[in-house]
Amino acid sequence: MLGLLPVLACSAAPFAQLDLREERAALRAADSAFAARASQALLPAFRDMLDEDVIFLDPGERTLVGKAATLAMLGSDGISAIATQQWRAVRVDVSADGGAGYTYGFGSMTGPSGPGGAARTLPAKYVAYWRKDPTGAWRVTAYVRVFQRVTAPADPPAGFESPARQHRHFPNQDPGRARRAVMDADRAFAARAVTDDVPTAFGAYAATDGAILSGQPGIIYGPEAIRSHFRANFPATGRILWRPVAGDVAAGGDLGFTVGEAEIHTLSPDGTPRRSYSKYLTVWRRAELGEWRYVIDGGNDRPQP
């Protein structure tokens, strides 16, 4: 599975001529058009916008690889075929070469998920990693959505909104080496959660403008808030063990993602060991000094292996 995704081909103009403000605007427009289509009918919207080798993370499902497998699952779950979904991106950014990007934000899905098949609206959060296809159109290549009873949608605080830089000059490098590096960063992140603890690891590997889709309402922004969130909401004796199973990087080598699987070990109130299973999508950005830090991380549950 590690060799599943090809390295992204750069279809954009040379870095010095590329206005990243225009690229972000185009990606935001693609995300908004996707949402508008899904607000009418969810399944056709996903059919139009998913990349052929998309990795799709839906609550309660195994990690789905490929457009065909994803559409088959959505078409058979008894809800998605007649559901609608809407959302709004609160942050949009692109790679230095303009060939990849990400969006994340808040939304909801309306479908027959209530008692007896009654219509119900579920609040949601999402992360989408995008890349340009050979025609220059944006397509979703990795996606996670998290349904909740309550969310608290709001614009990001200052410093966490979509960047406004016109250019980001980043030295080109071997894409294969960059892809290995982002997978190694995720493994090192997982190891840090064991050798230290979960709050320390999540705080240390967050970018200064990094965020997480937490299990709580809202989005948690910034390393210190993320660290505090885990200290307040995750048991001090608990452990999260995870490993990346797939990933990719933009051709310019500065933006990438990993998808992986995790086990969450905690104790029940009577002291009995308890284990749950999840999967995740993490979007990473490489800093000028070479280290990889995540800019957004989100996950949901998966079946027991």
C-alpha atoms as a PDB file:
ATOM      1  CA  MET A   1       0.000   0.000   0.000  1.00  0.00           C
ATOM      2  CA  LEU A   2       2.938   2.333   0.548  1.00  0.00           C
ATOM      3  CA  GLY A   3       3.561   2.472  -3.178  1.00  0.00           C
ATOM      4  CA  LEU A   4      -0.075   3.025  -3.984  1.00  0.00           C
ATOM      5  CA  LEU A   5      -0.026   6.663  -4.975  1.00  0.00           C
ATOM      6  CA  PRO A   6       2.144   8.083  -7.731  1.00  0.00           C
ATOM      7  CA  VAL A   7       4.194  11.160  -7.038  1.00  0.00           C
ATOM      8  CA  LEU A   8       2.338  14.216  -8.196  1.00  0.00           C
ATOM      9  CA  ALA A   9       3.306  15.653 -11.531  1.00  0.00           C
ATOM     10  CA  CYS A  10       3.639  19.399 -11.547  1.00  0.00           C
ATOM     11  CA  SER A  11       1.332  20.948 -14.121  1.00  0.00           C
ATOM     12  CA  ALA A  12       1.747  24.472 -12.843  1.00  0.00           C
ATOM     13  CA  ALA A  13       3.925  27.316 -14.058  1.00  0.00           C
ATOM     14  CA  PRO A  14       7.451  27.791 -12.648  1.00  0.00           C
ATOM     15  CA  PHE A  15       7.464  28.876  -9.013  1.00  0.00           C
ATOM     16  CA  ALA A  16       8.672  32.418  -9.684  1.00  0.00           C
ATOM     17  CA  GLN A  17       5.697  33.051 -12.016  1.00  0.00           C
ATOM     18  CA  LEU A  18       3.059  31.368  -9.915  1.00  0.00           C
ATOM     19  CA  ASP A  19       0.715  33.575  -7.891  1.00  0.00           C
ATOM     20  CA  LEU A  20      -0.366  31.391  -4.979  1.00  0.00           C
ATOM     21  CA  ARG A  21      -3.218  33.760  -4.201  1.00  0.00           C
ATOM     22  CA  GLU A  22      -4.797  32.807  -7.510  1.00  0.00           C
ATOM     23  CA  GLU A  23      -4.161  29.112  -6.879  1.00  0.00           C
ATOM     24  CA  ARG A  24      -5.817  29.298  -3.460  1.00  0.00           C
ATOM     25  CA  ALA A  25      -8.785  31.142  -4.941  1.00  0.00           C
ATOM     26  CA  ALA A  26      -9.162  28.445  -7.597  1.00  0.00           C
ATOM     27  CA  LEU A  27      -9.005  25.688  -4.995  1.00  0.00           C
ATOM     28  CA  ARG A  28     -11.540  27.468  -2.779  1.00  0.00           C
ATOM     29  CA  ALA A  29     -13.838  27.812  -5.801  1.00  0.00           C
ATOM     30  CA  ALA A  30     -13.478  24.075  -6.511  1.00  0.00           C
ATOM     31  CA  ASP A  31     -14.287  23.235  -2.878  1.00  0.00           C
ATOM     32  CA  SER A  32     -17.297  25.565  -2.916  1.00  0.00           C
ATOM     33  CA  ALA A  33     -18.581  24.101  -6.193  1.00  0.00           C
ATOM     34  CA  PHE A  34     -18.178  20.620  -4.720  1.00  0.00           C
ATOM     35  CA  ALA A  35     -20.221  21.674  -1.681  1.00  0.00           C
ATOM     36  CA  ALA A  36     -22.920  23.298  -3.826  1.00  0.00           C
ATOM     37  CA  ARG A  37     -23.284  20.119  -5.878  1.00  0.00           C
ATOM     38  CA  ALA A  38     -23.386  17.937  -2.747  1.00  0.00           C
ATOM     39  CA  SER A  39     -26.108  20.152  -1.252  1.00  0.00           C
ATOM     40  CA  GLN A  40     -28.327  18.952  -4.102  1.00  0.00           C
ATOM     41  CA  ALA A  41     -27.223  15.299  -4.183  1.00  0.00           C
ATOM     42  CA  LEU A  42     -24.258  13.817  -2.351  1.00  0.00           C
ATOM     43  CA  LEU A  43     -23.423  10.800  -4.506  1.00  0.00           C
ATOM     44  CA  PRO A  44     -23.167  12.577  -7.893  1.00  0.00           C
ATOM     45  CA  ALA A  45     -20.990  15.252  -6.281  1.00  0.00           C
ATOM     46  CA  PHE A  46     -18.490  12.689  -5.023  1.00  0.00           C
ATOM     47  CA  ARG A  47     -18.613  10.913  -8.374  1.00  0.00           C
ATOM     48  CA  ASP A  48     -17.584  14.134 -10.116  1.00  0.00           C
ATOM     49  CA  MET A  49     -14.888  15.331  -7.719  1.00  0.00           C
ATOM     50  CA  LEU A  50     -13.034  12.269  -6.397  1.00  0.00           C
ATOM     51  CA  ASP A  51      -9.735  11.297  -7.983  1.00  0.00           C
ATOM     52  CA  GLU A  52      -9.519   7.772  -9.382  1.00  0.00           C
ATOM     53  CA  ASP A  53      -7.062   6.709  -6.640  1.00  0.00           C
ATOM     54  CA  VAL A  54      -8.711   8.636  -3.802  1.00  0.00           C
ATOM     55  CA  ILE A  55      -8.303   7.417  -0.233  1.00  0.00           C
ATOM     56  CA  PHE A  56     -11.622   7.915   1.546  1.00  0.00           C
ATOM     57  CA  LEU A  57     -12.078   7.768   5.331  1.00  0.00           C
ATOM     58  CA  ASP A  58     -15.695   7.428   6.417  1.00  0.00           C
ATOM     59  CA  PRO A  59     -16.783   6.814  10.025  1.00  0.00           C
ATOM     60  CA  GLY A  60     -17.159   3.151  10.876  1.00  0.00           C
ATOM     61  CA  GLU A  61     -15.718   1.939   7.573  1.00  0.00           C
ATOM     62  CA  ARG A  62     -12.364   0.455   6.670  1.00  0.00           C
ATOM     63  CA  THR A  63      -9.992   2.699   4.731  1.00  0.00           C
ATOM     64  CA  LEU A  64     -11.372   2.825   1.200  1.00  0.00           C
ATOM     65  CA  VAL A  65      -8.905   3.015  -1.681  1.00  0.00           C
ATOM     66  CA  GLY A  66     -10.033   4.125  -5.115  1.00  0.00           C
ATOM     67  CA  LYS A  67     -13.042   5.945  -6.519  1.00  0.00           C
ATOM     68  CA  ALA A  68     -14.879   2.759  -7.471  1.00  0.00           C
ATOM     69  CA  ALA A  69     -14.648   1.268  -3.968  1.00  0.00           C
ATOM     70  CA  THR A  70     -15.684   4.567  -2.388  1.00  0.00           C
ATOM     71  CA  LEU A  71     -18.732   5.045  -4.605  1.00  0.00           C
ATOM     72  CA  ALA A  72     -19.746   1.417  -4.066  1.00  0.00           C
ATOM     73  CA  MET A  73     -19.676   1.916  -0.292  1.00  0.00           C
ATOM     74  CA  LEU A  74     -21.563   5.208  -0.467  1.00  0.00           C
ATOM     75  CA  GLY A  75     -24.122   3.696  -2.810  1.00  0.00           C
ATOM     76  CA  SER A  76     -24.800   0.770  -0.506  1.00  0.00           C
ATOM     77  CA  ASP A  77     -24.894   2.365   2.951  1.00  0.00           C
ATOM     78  CA  GLY A  78     -28.607   3.135   2.707  1.00  0.00           C
ATOM     79  CA  ILE A  79     -28.092   6.836   3.357  1.00  0.00           C
ATOM     80  CA  SER A  80     -25.655   8.467   0.940  1.00  0.00           C
ATOM     81  CA  ALA A  81     -27.621   7.711  -2.229  1.00  0.00           C
ATOM     82  CA  ILE A  82     -30.449   9.998  -1.090  1.00  0.00           C
ATOM     83  CA  ALA A  83     -28.537  12.298   1.272  1.00  0.00           C
ATOM     84  CA  THR A  84     -27.278  15.805   0.808  1.00  0.00           C
ATOM     85  CA  GLN A  85     -24.203  17.380   2.347  1.00  0.00           C
ATOM     86  CA  GLN A  86     -23.045  20.944   2.687  1.00  0.00           C
ATOM     87  CA  TRP A  87     -19.912  22.545   4.052  1.00  0.00           C
ATOM     88  CA  ARG A  88     -17.734  25.639   4.163  1.00  0.00           C
ATOM     89  CA  ALA A  89     -13.954  25.708   4.092  1.00  0.00           C
ATOM     90  CA  VAL A  90     -12.341  27.758   6.866  1.00  0.00           C
ATOM     91  CA  ARG A  91      -8.803  27.305   5.550  1.00  0.00           C
ATOM     92  CA  VAL A  92      -7.370  26.761   2.073  1.00  0.00           C
ATOM     93  CA  ASP A  93      -3.725  26.462   1.054  1.00  0.00           C
ATOM     94  CA  VAL A  94      -1.671  25.087  -1.826  1.00  0.00           C
ATOM     95  CA  SER A  95       1.802  23.735  -2.444  1.00  0.00           C
ATOM     96  CA  ALA A  96       4.570  25.964  -3.769  1.00  0.00           C
ATOM     97  CA  ASP A  97       4.233  24.422  -7.229  1.00  0.00           C
ATOM     98  CA  GLY A  98       0.452  24.809  -7.297  1.00  0.00           C
ATOM     99  CA  GLY A  99      -0.101  21.105  -7.986  1.00  0.00           C
ATOM    100  CA  ALA A 100      -1.628  20.124  -4.633  1.00  0.00           C
ATOM    101  CA  GLY A 101      -3.546  21.723  -1.789  1.00  0.00           C
ATOM    102  CA  TYR A 102      -5.910  21.162   1.091  1.00  0.00           C
ATOM    103  CA  THR A 103      -9.156  22.490   2.508  1.00  0.00           C
ATOM    104  CA  TYR A 104     -10.857  21.927   5.832  1.00  0.00           C
ATOM    105  CA  GLY A 105     -13.926  23.226   7.562  1.00  0.00           C
ATOM    106  CA  PHE A 106     -17.449  22.622   8.856  1.00  0.00           C
ATOM    107  CA  GLY A 107     -20.670  21.327   7.382  1.00  0.00           C
ATOM    108  CA  SER A 108     -23.518  18.886   7.824  1.00  0.00           C
ATOM    109  CA  MET A 109     -25.181  15.913   6.149  1.00  0.00           C
ATOM    110  CA  THR A 110     -28.941  15.411   5.895  1.00  0.00           C
ATOM    111  CA  GLY A 111     -30.295  11.938   5.234  1.00  0.00           C
ATOM    112  CA  PRO A 112     -32.466   9.087   6.550  1.00  0.00           C
ATOM    113  CA  SER A 113     -30.302   8.325   9.576  1.00  0.00           C
ATOM    114  CA  GLY A 114     -32.911   8.921  12.280  1.00  0.00           C
ATOM    115  CA  PRO A 115     -35.163   6.336  13.967  1.00  0.00           C
ATOM    116  CA  GLY A 116     -37.157   4.421  11.380  1.00  0.00           C
ATOM    117  CA  GLY A 117     -35.303   6.109   8.552  1.00  0.00           C
ATOM    118  CA  ALA A 118     -36.454   9.596   9.477  1.00  0.00           C
ATOM    119  CA  ALA A 119     -34.488  12.499   8.027  1.00  0.00           C
ATOM    120  CA  ARG A 120     -31.829  13.839  10.349  1.00  0.00           C
ATOM    121  CA  THR A 121     -29.094  16.411   9.982  1.00  0.00           C
ATOM    122  CA  LEU A 122     -25.685  15.535  11.406  1.00  0.00           C
ATOM    123  CA  PRO A 123     -23.098  18.276  11.982  1.00  0.00           C
ATOM    124  CA  ALA A 124     -19.729  17.446  10.441  1.00  0.00           C
ATOM    125  CA  LYS A 125     -16.126  18.502   9.959  1.00  0.00           C
ATOM    126  CA  TYR A 126     -13.870  17.531   7.079  1.00  0.00           C
ATOM    127  CA  VAL A 127     -10.375  17.608   5.596  1.00  0.00           C
ATOM    128  CA  ALA A 128      -9.759  17.241   1.865  1.00  0.00           C
ATOM    129  CA  TYR A 129      -6.359  16.905   0.198  1.00  0.00           C
ATOM    130  CA  TRP A 130      -6.498  17.890  -3.471  1.00  0.00           C
ATOM    131  CA  ARG A 131      -4.306  17.593  -6.538  1.00  0.00           C
ATOM    132  CA  LYS A 132      -4.631  18.837 -10.093  1.00  0.00           C
ATOM    133  CA  ASP A 133      -5.423  16.323 -12.788  1.00  0.00           C
ATOM    134  CA  PRO A 134      -3.712  16.481 -16.216  1.00  0.00           C
ATOM    135  CA  THR A 135      -6.327  18.993 -17.417  1.00  0.00           C
ATOM    136  CA  GLY A 136      -5.591  21.334 -14.507  1.00  0.00           C
ATOM    137  CA  ALA A 137      -8.875  20.587 -12.696  1.00  0.00           C
ATOM    138  CA  TRP A 138      -8.767  20.063  -8.935  1.00  0.00           C
ATOM    139  CA  ARG A 139      -9.706  16.581  -7.708  1.00  0.00           C
ATOM    140  CA  VAL A 140      -9.930  15.162  -4.154  1.00  0.00           C
ATOM    141  CA  THR A 141      -7.222  12.549  -3.553  1.00  0.00           C
ATOM    142  CA  ALA A 142      -7.667  12.023   0.221  1.00  0.00           C
ATOM    143  CA  TYR A 143     -10.698  12.813   2.335  1.00  0.00           C
ATOM    144  CA  VAL A 144     -11.919  12.390   5.902  1.00  0.00           C
ATOM    145  CA  ARG A 145     -15.232  13.441   7.392  1.00  0.00           C
ATOM    146  CA  VAL A 146     -16.254  13.385  11.035  1.00  0.00           C
ATOM    147  CA  PHE A 147     -19.909  13.370  12.054  1.00  0.00           C
ATOM    148  CA  GLN A 148     -20.929  14.693  15.463  1.00  0.00           C
ATOM    149  CA  ARG A 149     -24.042  15.487  17.452  1.00  0.00           C
ATOM    150  CA  VAL A 150     -22.872  19.056  17.919  1.00  0.00           C
ATOM    151  CA  THR A 151     -20.225  21.219  16.298  1.00  0.00           C
ATOM    152  CA  ALA A 152     -19.219  24.811  16.857  1.00  0.00           C
ATOM    153  CA  PRO A 153     -18.454  26.173  13.379  1.00  0.00           C
ATOM    154  CA  ALA A 154     -16.493  29.390  13.437  1.00  0.00           C
ATOM    155  CA  ASP A 155     -13.822  31.186  11.495  1.00  0.00           C
ATOM    156  CA  PRO A 156     -10.246  30.454  12.602  1.00  0.00           C
ATOM    157  CA  PRO A 157      -8.523  32.815  15.028  1.00  0.00           C
ATOM    158  CA  ALA A 158      -5.979  35.315  13.753  1.00  0.00           C
ATOM    159  CA  GLY A 159      -2.941  33.582  12.321  1.00  0.00           C
ATOM    160  CA  PHE A 160      -4.835  30.456  11.289  1.00  0.00           C
ATOM    161  CA  GLU A 161      -6.841  31.760   8.355  1.00  0.00           C
ATOM    162  CA  SER A 162      -5.871  30.899   4.782  1.00  0.00           C
ATOM    163  CA  PRO A 163      -2.382  32.245   4.004  1.00  0.00           C
ATOM    164  CA  ALA A 164      -2.087  35.349   1.849  1.00  0.00           C
ATOM    165  CA  ARG A 165       1.463  35.008   0.524  1.00  0.00           C
ATOM    166  CA  GLN A 166       1.838  35.538  -3.208  1.00  0.00           C
ATOM    167  CA  HIS A 167       4.851  33.252  -3.614  1.00  0.00           C
ATOM    168  CA  ARG A 168       6.515  30.521  -1.633  1.00  0.00           C
ATOM    169  CA  HIS A 169       9.962  29.797  -2.971  1.00  0.00           C
ATOM    170  CA  PHE A 170      10.905  26.274  -2.094  1.00  0.00           C
ATOM    171  CA  PRO A 171      13.908  24.399  -3.464  1.00  0.00           C
ATOM    172  CA  ASN A 172      12.915  21.550  -5.754  1.00  0.00           C
ATOM    173  CA  GLN A 173      14.061  18.121  -4.642  1.00  0.00           C
ATOM    174  CA  ASP A 174      13.753  14.435  -5.382  1.00  0.00           C
ATOM    175  CA  PRO A 175       9.988  13.729  -5.062  1.00  0.00           C
ATOM    176  CA  GLY A 176      10.581  10.120  -4.061  1.00  0.00           C
ATOM    177  CA  ARG A 177      12.887  11.205  -1.275  1.00  0.00           C
ATOM    178  CA  ALA A 178      10.320  13.762  -0.111  1.00  0.00           C
ATOM    179  CA  ARG A 179       7.617  11.128  -0.042  1.00  0.00           C
ATOM    180  CA  ARG A 180       9.768   8.847   2.096  1.00  0.00           C
ATOM    181  CA  ALA A 181      10.528  11.786   4.374  1.00  0.00           C
ATOM    182  CA  VAL A 182       6.863  12.579   5.048  1.00  0.00           C
ATOM    183  CA  MET A 183       6.171   8.927   5.870  1.00  0.00           C
ATOM    184  CA  ASP A 184       9.184   8.939   8.198  1.00  0.00           C
ATOM    185  CA  ALA A 185       7.893  12.105   9.872  1.00  0.00           C
ATOM    186  CA  ASP A 186       4.606  10.377  10.639  1.00  0.00           C
ATOM    187  CA  ARG A 187       6.445   7.346  12.067  1.00  0.00           C
ATOM    188  CA  ALA A 188       8.600   9.623  14.227  1.00  0.00           C
ATOM    189  CA  PHE A 189       5.451  11.418  15.396  1.00  0.00           C
ATOM    190  CA  ALA A 190       3.943   8.060  16.415  1.00  0.00           C
ATOM    191  CA  ALA A 191       7.141   7.048  18.220  1.00  0.00           C
ATOM    192  CA  ARG A 192       7.180  10.341  20.139  1.00  0.00           C
ATOM    193  CA  ALA A 193       3.650   9.613  21.387  1.00  0.00           C
ATOM    194  CA  VAL A 194       5.017   6.415  22.975  1.00  0.00           C
ATOM    195  CA  THR A 195       8.366   7.613  24.308  1.00  0.00           C
ATOM    196  CA  ASP A 196       6.915  10.826  25.745  1.00  0.00           C
ATOM    197  CA  ASP A 197       3.135  11.062  25.765  1.00  0.00           C
ATOM    198  CA  VAL A 198       0.268  11.872  23.405  1.00  0.00           C
ATOM    199  CA  PRO A 199      -0.123  15.585  24.334  1.00  0.00           C
ATOM    200  CA  THR A 200       3.635  16.223  23.974  1.00  0.00           C
ATOM    201  CA  ALA A 201       3.812  14.519  20.586  1.00  0.00           C
ATOM    202  CA  PHE A 202       0.793  16.315  19.137  1.00  0.00           C
ATOM    203  CA  GLY A 203       2.095  19.659  20.342  1.00  0.00           C
ATOM    204  CA  ALA A 204       5.648  19.048  19.101  1.00  0.00           C
ATOM    205  CA  TYR A 205       4.668  17.965  15.577  1.00  0.00           C
ATOM    206  CA  ALA A 206       2.059  20.672  14.968  1.00  0.00           C
ATOM    207  CA  ALA A 207       3.048  23.545  12.709  1.00  0.00           C
ATOM    208  CA  THR A 208       2.755  26.966  14.300  1.00  0.00           C
ATOM    209  CA  ASP A 209      -0.486  27.321  12.303  1.00  0.00           C
ATOM    210  CA  GLY A 210      -1.432  23.648  12.686  1.00  0.00           C
ATOM    211  CA  ALA A 211      -4.848  22.399  13.776  1.00  0.00           C
ATOM    212  CA  ILE A 212      -6.749  19.203  14.563  1.00  0.00           C
ATOM    213  CA  LEU A 213     -10.315  18.027  14.075  1.00  0.00           C
ATOM    214  CA  SER A 214     -10.822  16.960  17.656  1.00  0.00           C
ATOM    215  CA  GLY A 215     -13.488  14.672  19.017  1.00  0.00           C
ATOM    216  CA  GLN A 216     -14.977  17.763  20.648  1.00  0.00           C
ATOM    217  CA  PRO A 217     -17.037  20.462  18.903  1.00  0.00           C
ATOM    218  CA  GLY A 218     -14.955  22.886  16.906  1.00  0.00           C
ATOM    219  CA  ILE A 219     -11.403  22.767  15.598  1.00  0.00           C
ATOM    220  CA  ILE A 220      -8.379  23.113  17.886  1.00  0.00           C
ATOM    221  CA  TYR A 221      -5.787  25.594  16.602  1.00  0.00           C
ATOM    222  CA  GLY A 222      -2.097  25.877  17.470  1.00  0.00           C
ATOM    223  CA  PRO A 223       0.463  23.661  19.240  1.00  0.00           C
ATOM    224  CA  GLU A 224      -0.250  24.894  22.761  1.00  0.00           C
ATOM    225  CA  ALA A 225      -4.036  24.590  22.453  1.00  0.00           C
ATOM    226  CA  ILE A 226      -3.641  21.127  20.913  1.00  0.00           C
ATOM    227  CA  ARG A 227      -1.342  20.026  23.744  1.00  0.00           C
ATOM    228  CA  SER A 228      -3.772  21.406  26.338  1.00  0.00           C
ATOM    229  CA  HIS A 229      -6.714  19.737  24.623  1.00  0.00           C
ATOM    230  CA  PHE A 230      -5.117  16.297  24.909  1.00  0.00           C
ATOM    231  CA  ARG A 231      -4.051  16.869  28.511  1.00  0.00           C
ATOM    232  CA  ALA A 232      -7.641  17.760  29.400  1.00  0.00           C
ATOM    233  CA  ASN A 233      -9.462  15.131  27.331  1.00  0.00           C
ATOM    234  CA  PHE A 234      -7.192  12.120  26.918  1.00  0.00           C
ATOM    235  CA  PRO A 235      -6.310   9.888  29.900  1.00  0.00           C
ATOM    236  CA  ALA A 236      -2.765  10.327  31.178  1.00  0.00           C
ATOM    237  CA  THR A 237      -2.387   6.542  31.176  1.00  0.00           C
ATOM    238  CA  GLY A 238      -3.791   6.168  27.672  1.00  0.00           C
ATOM    239  CA  ARG A 239      -1.797   5.428  24.554  1.00  0.00           C
ATOM    240  CA  ILE A 240      -2.374   5.944  20.833  1.00  0.00           C
ATOM    241  CA  LEU A 241      -0.392   3.623  18.586  1.00  0.00           C
ATOM    242  CA  TRP A 242      -0.469   4.390  14.899  1.00  0.00           C
ATOM    243  CA  ARG A 243       1.311   3.796  11.619  1.00  0.00           C
ATOM    244  CA  PRO A 244       1.026   5.387   8.189  1.00  0.00           C
ATOM    245  CA  VAL A 245      -0.088   3.072   5.388  1.00  0.00           C
ATOM    246  CA  ALA A 246      -0.108   5.483   2.430  1.00  0.00           C
ATOM    247  CA  GLY A 247       0.985   8.984   1.546  1.00  0.00           C
ATOM    248  CA  ASP A 248       2.092  11.356  -1.168  1.00  0.00           C
ATOM    249  CA  VAL A 249       3.759  14.716  -1.760  1.00  0.00           C
ATOM    250  CA  ALA A 250       3.447  17.541  -4.240  1.00  0.00           C
ATOM    251  CA  ALA A 251       6.096  17.622  -6.956  1.00  0.00           C
ATOM    252  CA  GLY A 252       7.678  20.667  -5.319  1.00  0.00           C
ATOM    253  CA  GLY A 253       8.296  18.656  -2.156  1.00  0.00           C
ATOM    254  CA  ASP A 254       6.762  21.045   0.394  1.00  0.00           C
ATOM    255  CA  LEU A 255       3.246  19.687   0.958  1.00  0.00           C
ATOM    256  CA  GLY A 256       2.034  16.134   1.454  1.00  0.00           C
ATOM    257  CA  PHE A 257      -0.283  13.839   3.331  1.00  0.00           C
ATOM    258  CA  THR A 258      -0.276  10.551   5.175  1.00  0.00           C
ATOM    259  CA  VAL A 259      -3.133   8.166   5.859  1.00  0.00           C
ATOM    260  CA  GLY A 260      -2.839   5.594   8.598  1.00  0.00           C
ATOM    261  CA  GLU A 261      -4.457   3.336  11.153  1.00  0.00           C
ATOM    262  CA  ALA A 262      -4.405   3.664  14.933  1.00  0.00           C
ATOM    263  CA  GLU A 263      -5.218   1.747  18.099  1.00  0.00           C
ATOM    264  CA  ILE A 264      -6.345   3.701  21.137  1.00  0.00           C
ATOM    265  CA  HIS A 265      -5.613   2.058  24.490  1.00  0.00           C
ATOM    266  CA  THR A 266      -7.412   3.319  27.596  1.00  0.00           C
ATOM    267  CA  LEU A 267      -8.934   1.907  30.778  1.00  0.00           C
ATOM    268  CA  SER A 268     -12.636   1.540  31.508  1.00  0.00           C
ATOM    269  CA  PRO A 269     -13.963   2.960  34.817  1.00  0.00           C
ATOM    270  CA  ASP A 270     -13.447  -0.416  36.513  1.00  0.00           C
ATOM    271  CA  GLY A 271      -9.821  -0.584  35.345  1.00  0.00           C
ATOM    272  CA  THR A 272     -10.389  -3.069  32.524  1.00  0.00           C
ATOM    273  CA  PRO A 273      -8.194  -2.406  29.474  1.00  0.00           C
ATOM    274  CA  ARG A 274     -10.171  -0.957  26.595  1.00  0.00           C
ATOM    275  CA  ARG A 275      -9.083  -0.775  22.959  1.00  0.00           C
ATOM    276  CA  SER A 276     -10.662   1.105  20.068  1.00  0.00           C
ATOM    277  CA  TYR A 277      -9.629   1.537  16.453  1.00  0.00           C
ATOM    278  CA  SER A 278      -9.376   4.573  14.236  1.00  0.00           C
ATOM    279  CA  LYS A 279      -7.923   5.841  10.979  1.00  0.00           C
ATOM    280  CA  TYR A 280      -6.575   9.265  10.110  1.00  0.00           C
ATOM    281  CA  LEU A 281      -5.593  11.776   7.448  1.00  0.00           C
ATOM    282  CA  THR A 282      -2.738  14.155   8.254  1.00  0.00           C
ATOM    283  CA  VAL A 283      -1.642  16.984   5.955  1.00  0.00           C
ATOM    284  CA  TRP A 284       2.019  17.956   6.313  1.00  0.00           C
ATOM    285  CA  ARG A 285       4.059  20.985   5.274  1.00  0.00           C
ATOM    286  CA  ARG A 286       7.844  21.034   4.986  1.00  0.00           C
ATOM    287  CA  ALA A 287       9.548  24.047   6.498  1.00  0.00           C
ATOM    288  CA  GLU A 288      12.514  25.829   4.962  1.00  0.00           C
ATOM    289  CA  LEU A 289      14.873  24.055   7.367  1.00  0.00           C
ATOM    290  CA  GLY A 290      13.576  20.694   6.179  1.00  0.00           C
ATOM    291  CA  GLU A 291      11.431  19.443   9.060  1.00  0.00           C
ATOM    292  CA  TRP A 292       7.879  18.260   8.392  1.00  0.00           C
ATOM    293  CA  ARG A 293       5.054  19.500  10.607  1.00  0.00           C
ATOM    294  CA  TYR A 294       1.330  18.832  10.291  1.00  0.00           C
ATOM    295  CA  VAL A 295      -1.048  21.640   9.347  1.00  0.00           C
ATOM    296  CA  ILE A 296      -4.265  19.657   9.861  1.00  0.00           C
ATOM    297  CA  ASP A 297      -5.037  16.232  11.311  1.00  0.00           C
ATOM    298  CA  GLY A 298      -8.348  14.417  11.508  1.00  0.00           C
ATOM    299  CA  GLY A 299      -9.679  10.913  11.888  1.00  0.00           C
ATOM    300  CA  ASN A 300     -12.644   8.688  12.642  1.00  0.00           C
ATOM    301  CA  ASP A 301     -13.361   5.177  13.857  1.00  0.00           C
ATOM    302  CA  ARG A 302     -12.831   1.964  11.900  1.00  0.00           C
ATOM    303  CA  PRO A 303     -13.957  -1.641  12.420  1.00  0.00           C
ATOM    304  CA  GLN A 304     -11.966  -3.938  14.644  1.00  0.00           C
ATOM    305  CA  PRO A 305      -9.383  -5.820  12.530  1.00  0.00           C
END
